[in-house]
Amino acid sequence: MTVVCAWCQRLGRAAVIGEKEPRDVKAITHGICDEHVLVVLAEARRSTVRASMASTLERKAS
């Protein structure tokens, strides 16, 4: 089974990450490559910081 990065595939880039069991099955499954893991984590951190800042500002305004 071939594993492809769903994010890369959506962008039209080479997307194959690797193979997984069962190797004799001609199917595709999706994962996420190292590059896009970093993108997702960075966005999650920014989102968390924004939410934390908004919460702090709301408490100060009260």
PDB file of N, CA and C in Angstrom:
ATOM      1  N   MET A   1       0.851  -1.158   0.000  1.00  0.00           N
ATOM      2  CA  MET A   1       0.000   0.000   0.000  1.00  0.00           C
ATOM      3  C   MET A   1       0.904   1.231   0.000  1.00  0.00           C
ATOM      4  N   THR A   2       0.603   2.149  -0.885  1.00  0.00           N
ATOM      5  CA  THR A   2       1.396   3.369  -1.011  1.00  0.00           C
ATOM      6  C   THR A   2       0.817   4.458  -0.109  1.00  0.00           C
ATOM      7  N   VAL A   3       1.696   5.127   0.635  1.00  0.00           N
ATOM      8  CA  VAL A   3       1.286   6.219   1.520  1.00  0.00           C
ATOM      9  C   VAL A   3       1.688   7.531   0.852  1.00  0.00           C
ATOM     10  N   VAL A   4       0.703   8.416   0.667  1.00  0.00           N
ATOM     11  CA  VAL A   4       0.989   9.721   0.070  1.00  0.00           C
ATOM     12  C   VAL A   4       0.577  10.825   1.030  1.00  0.00           C
ATOM     13  N   CYS A   5       1.261  11.958   0.929  1.00  0.00           N
ATOM     14  CA  CYS A   5       0.912  13.126   1.743  1.00  0.00           C
ATOM     15  C   CYS A   5      -0.303  13.791   1.097  1.00  0.00           C
ATOM     16  N   ALA A   6      -1.383  13.866   1.841  1.00  0.00           N
ATOM     17  CA  ALA A   6      -2.610  14.470   1.338  1.00  0.00           C
ATOM     18  C   ALA A   6      -2.407  15.948   1.015  1.00  0.00           C
ATOM     19  N   TRP A   7      -1.599  16.622   1.798  1.00  0.00           N
ATOM     20  CA  TRP A   7      -1.353  18.050   1.579  1.00  0.00           C
ATOM     21  C   TRP A   7      -0.566  18.268   0.292  1.00  0.00           C
ATOM     22  N   CYS A   8       0.508  17.509   0.099  1.00  0.00           N
ATOM     23  CA  CYS A   8       1.312  17.624  -1.124  1.00  0.00           C
ATOM     24  C   CYS A   8       0.466  17.287  -2.345  1.00  0.00           C
ATOM     25  N   GLN A   9      -0.325  16.237  -2.228  1.00  0.00           N
ATOM     26  CA  GLN A   9      -1.166  15.808  -3.345  1.00  0.00           C
ATOM     27  C   GLN A   9      -2.133  16.920  -3.728  1.00  0.00           C
ATOM     28  N   ARG A  10      -2.708  17.570  -2.754  1.00  0.00           N
ATOM     29  CA  ARG A  10      -3.643  18.677  -3.015  1.00  0.00           C
ATOM     30  C   ARG A  10      -2.947  19.827  -3.741  1.00  0.00           C
ATOM     31  N   LEU A  11      -1.654  20.014  -3.461  1.00  0.00           N
ATOM     32  CA  LEU A  11      -0.886  21.074  -4.107  1.00  0.00           C
ATOM     33  C   LEU A  11      -0.316  20.656  -5.456  1.00  0.00           C
ATOM     34  N   GLY A  12      -0.536  19.404  -5.847  1.00  0.00           N
ATOM     35  CA  GLY A  12      -0.035  18.917  -7.122  1.00  0.00           C
ATOM     36  C   GLY A  12       1.443  18.571  -7.103  1.00  0.00           C
ATOM     37  N   ARG A  13       1.997  18.354  -5.920  1.00  0.00           N
ATOM     38  CA  ARG A  13       3.419  18.021  -5.770  1.00  0.00           C
ATOM     39  C   ARG A  13       3.594  16.522  -5.630  1.00  0.00           C
ATOM     40  N   ALA A  14       4.835  16.069  -5.808  1.00  0.00           N
ATOM     41  CA  ALA A  14       5.158  14.660  -5.554  1.00  0.00           C
ATOM     42  C   ALA A  14       4.764  14.359  -4.120  1.00  0.00           C
ATOM     43  N   ALA A  15       4.019  13.279  -3.918  1.00  0.00           N
ATOM     44  CA  ALA A  15       3.391  13.093  -2.624  1.00  0.00           C
ATOM     45  C   ALA A  15       3.732  11.782  -1.935  1.00  0.00           C
ATOM     46  N   VAL A  16       4.479  10.887  -2.563  1.00  0.00           N
ATOM     47  CA  VAL A  16       4.721   9.571  -1.972  1.00  0.00           C
ATOM     48  C   VAL A  16       5.621   9.699  -0.749  1.00  0.00           C
ATOM     49  N   ILE A  17       5.120   9.192   0.388  1.00  0.00           N
ATOM     50  CA  ILE A  17       5.881   9.187   1.634  1.00  0.00           C
ATOM     51  C   ILE A  17       6.593   7.852   1.799  1.00  0.00           C
ATOM     52  N   GLY A  18       5.915   6.785   1.422  1.00  0.00           N
ATOM     53  CA  GLY A  18       6.506   5.464   1.572  1.00  0.00           C
ATOM     54  C   GLY A  18       5.490   4.368   1.322  1.00  0.00           C
ATOM     55  N   GLU A  19       5.801   3.191   1.829  1.00  0.00           N
ATOM     56  CA  GLU A  19       4.937   2.020   1.694  1.00  0.00           C
ATOM     57  C   GLU A  19       4.609   1.485   3.083  1.00  0.00           C
ATOM     58  N   LYS A  20       3.477   0.787   3.189  1.00  0.00           N
ATOM     59  CA  LYS A  20       3.125   0.133   4.446  1.00  0.00           C
ATOM     60  C   LYS A  20       2.442  -1.189   4.133  1.00  0.00           C
ATOM     61  N   GLU A  21       2.346  -2.021   5.120  1.00  0.00           N
ATOM     62  CA  GLU A  21       1.699  -3.326   4.969  1.00  0.00           C
ATOM     63  C   GLU A  21       0.215  -3.143   4.701  1.00  0.00           C
ATOM     64  N   PRO A  22      -0.391  -3.956   3.935  1.00  0.00           N
ATOM     65  CA  PRO A  22       0.183  -5.028   3.129  1.00  0.00           C
ATOM     66  C   PRO A  22       0.789  -4.472   1.834  1.00  0.00           C
ATOM     67  N   ARG A  23       2.034  -4.809   1.601  1.00  0.00           N
ATOM     68  CA  ARG A  23       2.765  -4.273   0.453  1.00  0.00           C
ATOM     69  C   ARG A  23       2.267  -4.806  -0.882  1.00  0.00           C
ATOM     70  N   ASP A  24       1.607  -5.939  -0.884  1.00  0.00           N
ATOM     71  CA  ASP A  24       1.140  -6.519  -2.142  1.00  0.00           C
ATOM     72  C   ASP A  24      -0.194  -5.935  -2.606  1.00  0.00           C
ATOM     73  N   VAL A  25      -0.798  -5.055  -1.810  1.00  0.00           N
ATOM     74  CA  VAL A  25      -2.060  -4.419  -2.175  1.00  0.00           C
ATOM     75  C   VAL A  25      -1.763  -3.137  -2.945  1.00  0.00           C
ATOM     76  N   LYS A  26      -2.362  -3.005  -4.124  1.00  0.00           N
ATOM     77  CA  LYS A  26      -2.174  -1.809  -4.951  1.00  0.00           C
ATOM     78  C   LYS A  26      -3.230  -0.771  -4.567  1.00  0.00           C
ATOM     79  N   ALA A  27      -3.031  -0.155  -3.419  1.00  0.00           N
ATOM     80  CA  ALA A  27      -3.973   0.853  -2.930  1.00  0.00           C
ATOM     81  C   ALA A  27      -3.190   2.050  -2.412  1.00  0.00           C
ATOM     82  N   ILE A  28      -3.891   3.148  -2.255  1.00  0.00           N
ATOM     83  CA  ILE A  28      -3.278   4.373  -1.731  1.00  0.00           C
ATOM     84  C   ILE A  28      -3.952   4.720  -0.419  1.00  0.00           C
ATOM     85  N   THR A  29      -3.139   5.095   0.555  1.00  0.00           N
ATOM     86  CA  THR A  29      -3.645   5.630   1.809  1.00  0.00           C
ATOM     87  C   THR A  29      -2.966   6.979   2.018  1.00  0.00           C
ATOM     88  N   HIS A  30      -3.513   7.790   2.868  1.00  0.00           N
ATOM     89  CA  HIS A  30      -2.998   9.148   3.032  1.00  0.00           C
ATOM     90  C   HIS A  30      -2.393   9.365   4.416  1.00  0.00           C
ATOM     91  N   GLY A  31      -1.389  10.212   4.429  1.00  0.00           N
ATOM     92  CA  GLY A  31      -0.718  10.618   5.650  1.00  0.00           C
ATOM     93  C   GLY A  31      -0.299  12.066   5.480  1.00  0.00           C
ATOM     94  N   ILE A  32       0.727  12.457   6.216  1.00  0.00           N
ATOM     95  CA  ILE A  32       1.243  13.821   6.125  1.00  0.00           C
ATOM     96  C   ILE A  32       2.762  13.764   6.201  1.00  0.00           C
ATOM     97  N   CYS A  33       3.414  14.501   5.319  1.00  0.00           N
ATOM     98  CA  CYS A  33       4.883  14.492   5.271  1.00  0.00           C
ATOM     99  C   CYS A  33       5.457  15.368   6.388  1.00  0.00           C
ATOM    100  N   ASP A  34       6.765  15.247   6.605  1.00  0.00           N
ATOM    101  CA  ASP A  34       7.432  16.012   7.664  1.00  0.00           C
ATOM    102  C   ASP A  34       7.267  17.524   7.468  1.00  0.00           C
ATOM    103  N   GLU A  35       7.372  17.979   6.232  1.00  0.00           N
ATOM    104  CA  GLU A  35       7.233  19.415   5.951  1.00  0.00           C
ATOM    105  C   GLU A  35       5.852  19.929   6.381  1.00  0.00           C
ATOM    106  N   HIS A  36       4.825  19.181   6.031  1.00  0.00           N
ATOM    107  CA  HIS A  36       3.476  19.645   6.362  1.00  0.00           C
ATOM    108  C   HIS A  36       3.124  19.428   7.832  1.00  0.00           C
ATOM    109  N   VAL A  37       3.758  18.484   8.497  1.00  0.00           N
ATOM    110  CA  VAL A  37       3.586  18.351   9.951  1.00  0.00           C
ATOM    111  C   VAL A  37       4.048  19.649  10.617  1.00  0.00           C
ATOM    112  N   LEU A  38       5.182  20.176  10.159  1.00  0.00           N
ATOM    113  CA  LEU A  38       5.692  21.430  10.725  1.00  0.00           C
ATOM    114  C   LEU A  38       4.732  22.587  10.472  1.00  0.00           C
ATOM    115  N   VAL A  39       4.133  22.636   9.293  1.00  0.00           N
ATOM    116  CA  VAL A  39       3.163  23.681   8.966  1.00  0.00           C
ATOM    117  C   VAL A  39       1.957  23.594   9.900  1.00  0.00           C
ATOM    118  N   VAL A  40       1.435  22.394  10.088  1.00  0.00           N
ATOM    119  CA  VAL A  40       0.270  22.189  10.949  1.00  0.00           C
ATOM    120  C   VAL A  40       0.596  22.556  12.396  1.00  0.00           C
ATOM    121  N   LEU A  41       1.747  22.129  12.891  1.00  0.00           N
ATOM    122  CA  LEU A  41       2.129  22.443  14.271  1.00  0.00           C
ATOM    123  C   LEU A  41       2.319  23.940  14.476  1.00  0.00           C
ATOM    124  N   ALA A  42       2.932  24.618  13.502  1.00  0.00           N
ATOM    125  CA  ALA A  42       3.132  26.065  13.607  1.00  0.00           C
ATOM    126  C   ALA A  42       1.790  26.783  13.658  1.00  0.00           C
ATOM    127  N   GLU A  43       0.847  26.370  12.817  1.00  0.00           N
ATOM    128  CA  GLU A  43      -0.476  26.990  12.821  1.00  0.00           C
ATOM    129  C   GLU A  43      -1.199  26.722  14.138  1.00  0.00           C
ATOM    130  N   ALA A  44      -1.068  25.525  14.668  1.00  0.00           N
ATOM    131  CA  ALA A  44      -1.693  25.203  15.949  1.00  0.00           C
ATOM    132  C   ALA A  44      -1.113  26.074  17.063  1.00  0.00           C
ATOM    133  N   ARG A  45       0.188  26.283  17.038  1.00  0.00           N
ATOM    134  CA  ARG A  45       0.818  27.142  18.058  1.00  0.00           C
ATOM    135  C   ARG A  45       0.323  28.575  17.934  1.00  0.00           C
ATOM    136  N   ARG A  46       0.254  29.091  16.693  1.00  0.00           N
ATOM    137  CA  ARG A  46      -0.234  30.460  16.494  1.00  0.00           C
ATOM    138  C   ARG A  46      -1.672  30.586  16.968  1.00  0.00           C
ATOM    139  N   SER A  47      -2.482  29.597  16.666  1.00  0.00           N
ATOM    140  CA  SER A  47      -3.881  29.611  17.064  1.00  0.00           C
ATOM    141  C   SER A  47      -4.018  29.605  18.582  1.00  0.00           C
ATOM    142  N   THR A  48      -3.197  28.797  19.246  1.00  0.00           N
ATOM    143  CA  THR A  48      -3.217  28.710  20.708  1.00  0.00           C
ATOM    144  C   THR A  48      -2.794  30.032  21.328  1.00  0.00           C
ATOM    145  N   VAL A  49      -1.762  30.660  20.766  1.00  0.00           N
ATOM    146  CA  VAL A  49      -1.290  31.944  21.289  1.00  0.00           C
ATOM    147  C   VAL A  49      -2.364  33.007  21.105  1.00  0.00           C
ATOM    148  N   ARG A  50      -3.003  33.031  19.924  1.00  0.00           N
ATOM    149  CA  ARG A  50      -4.070  34.021  19.687  1.00  0.00           C
ATOM    150  C   ARG A  50      -5.215  33.830  20.677  1.00  0.00           C
ATOM    151  N   ALA A  51      -5.613  32.603  20.917  1.00  0.00           N
ATOM    152  CA  ALA A  51      -6.706  32.328  21.851  1.00  0.00           C
ATOM    153  C   ALA A  51      -6.315  32.743  23.264  1.00  0.00           C
ATOM    154  N   SER A  52      -5.083  32.485  23.644  1.00  0.00           N
ATOM    155  CA  SER A  52      -4.605  32.846  24.979  1.00  0.00           C
ATOM    156  C   SER A  52      -4.570  34.361  25.142  1.00  0.00           C
ATOM    157  N   MET A  53      -4.104  35.057  24.110  1.00  0.00           N
ATOM    158  CA  MET A  53      -4.048  36.516  24.167  1.00  0.00           C
ATOM    159  C   MET A  53      -5.450  37.112  24.249  1.00  0.00           C
ATOM    160  N   ALA A  54      -6.386  36.567  23.482  1.00  0.00           N
ATOM    161  CA  ALA A  54      -7.761  37.059  23.505  1.00  0.00           C
ATOM    162  C   ALA A  54      -8.373  36.855  24.887  1.00  0.00           C
ATOM    163  N   SER A  55      -8.100  35.721  25.495  1.00  0.00           N
ATOM    164  CA  SER A  55      -8.621  35.437  26.823  1.00  0.00           C
ATOM    165  C   SER A  55      -8.054  36.412  27.849  1.00  0.00           C
ATOM    166  N   THR A  56      -6.765  36.695  27.740  1.00  0.00           N
ATOM    167  CA  THR A  56      -6.114  37.639  28.656  1.00  0.00           C
ATOM    168  C   THR A  56      -6.702  39.033  28.499  1.00  0.00           C
ATOM    169  N   LEU A  57      -6.922  39.442  27.249  1.00  0.00           N
ATOM    170  CA  LEU A  57      -7.497  40.770  27.016  1.00  0.00           C
ATOM    171  C   LEU A  57      -8.927  40.860  27.545  1.00  0.00           C
ATOM    172  N   GLU A  58      -9.690  39.805  27.415  1.00  0.00           N
ATOM    173  CA  GLU A  58     -11.060  39.798  27.940  1.00  0.00           C
ATOM    174  C   GLU A  58     -11.066  39.930  29.468  1.00  0.00           C
ATOM    175  N   ARG A  59     -10.131  39.229  30.129  1.00  0.00           N
ATOM    176  CA  ARG A  59     -10.064  39.322  31.601  1.00  0.00           C
ATOM    177  C   ARG A  59      -9.685  40.715  32.035  1.00  0.00           C
ATOM    178  N   LYS A  60      -8.763  41.347  31.321  1.00  0.00           N
ATOM    179  CA  LYS A  60      -8.329  42.702  31.682  1.00  0.00           C
ATOM    180  C   LYS A  60      -9.435  43.715  31.453  1.00  0.00           C
ATOM    181  N   ALA A  61     -10.267  43.480  30.445  1.00  0.00           N
ATOM    182  CA  ALA A  61     -11.369  44.394  30.136  1.00  0.00           C
ATOM    183  C   ALA A  61     -12.505  44.280  31.153  1.00  0.00           C
ATOM    184  N   SER A  62     -12.580  43.183  31.856  1.00  0.00           N
ATOM    185  CA  SER A  62     -13.680  42.973  32.820  1.00  0.00           C
ATOM    186  C   SER A  62     -13.473  43.705  34.112  1.00  0.00           C
TER     187      SER A  62
END
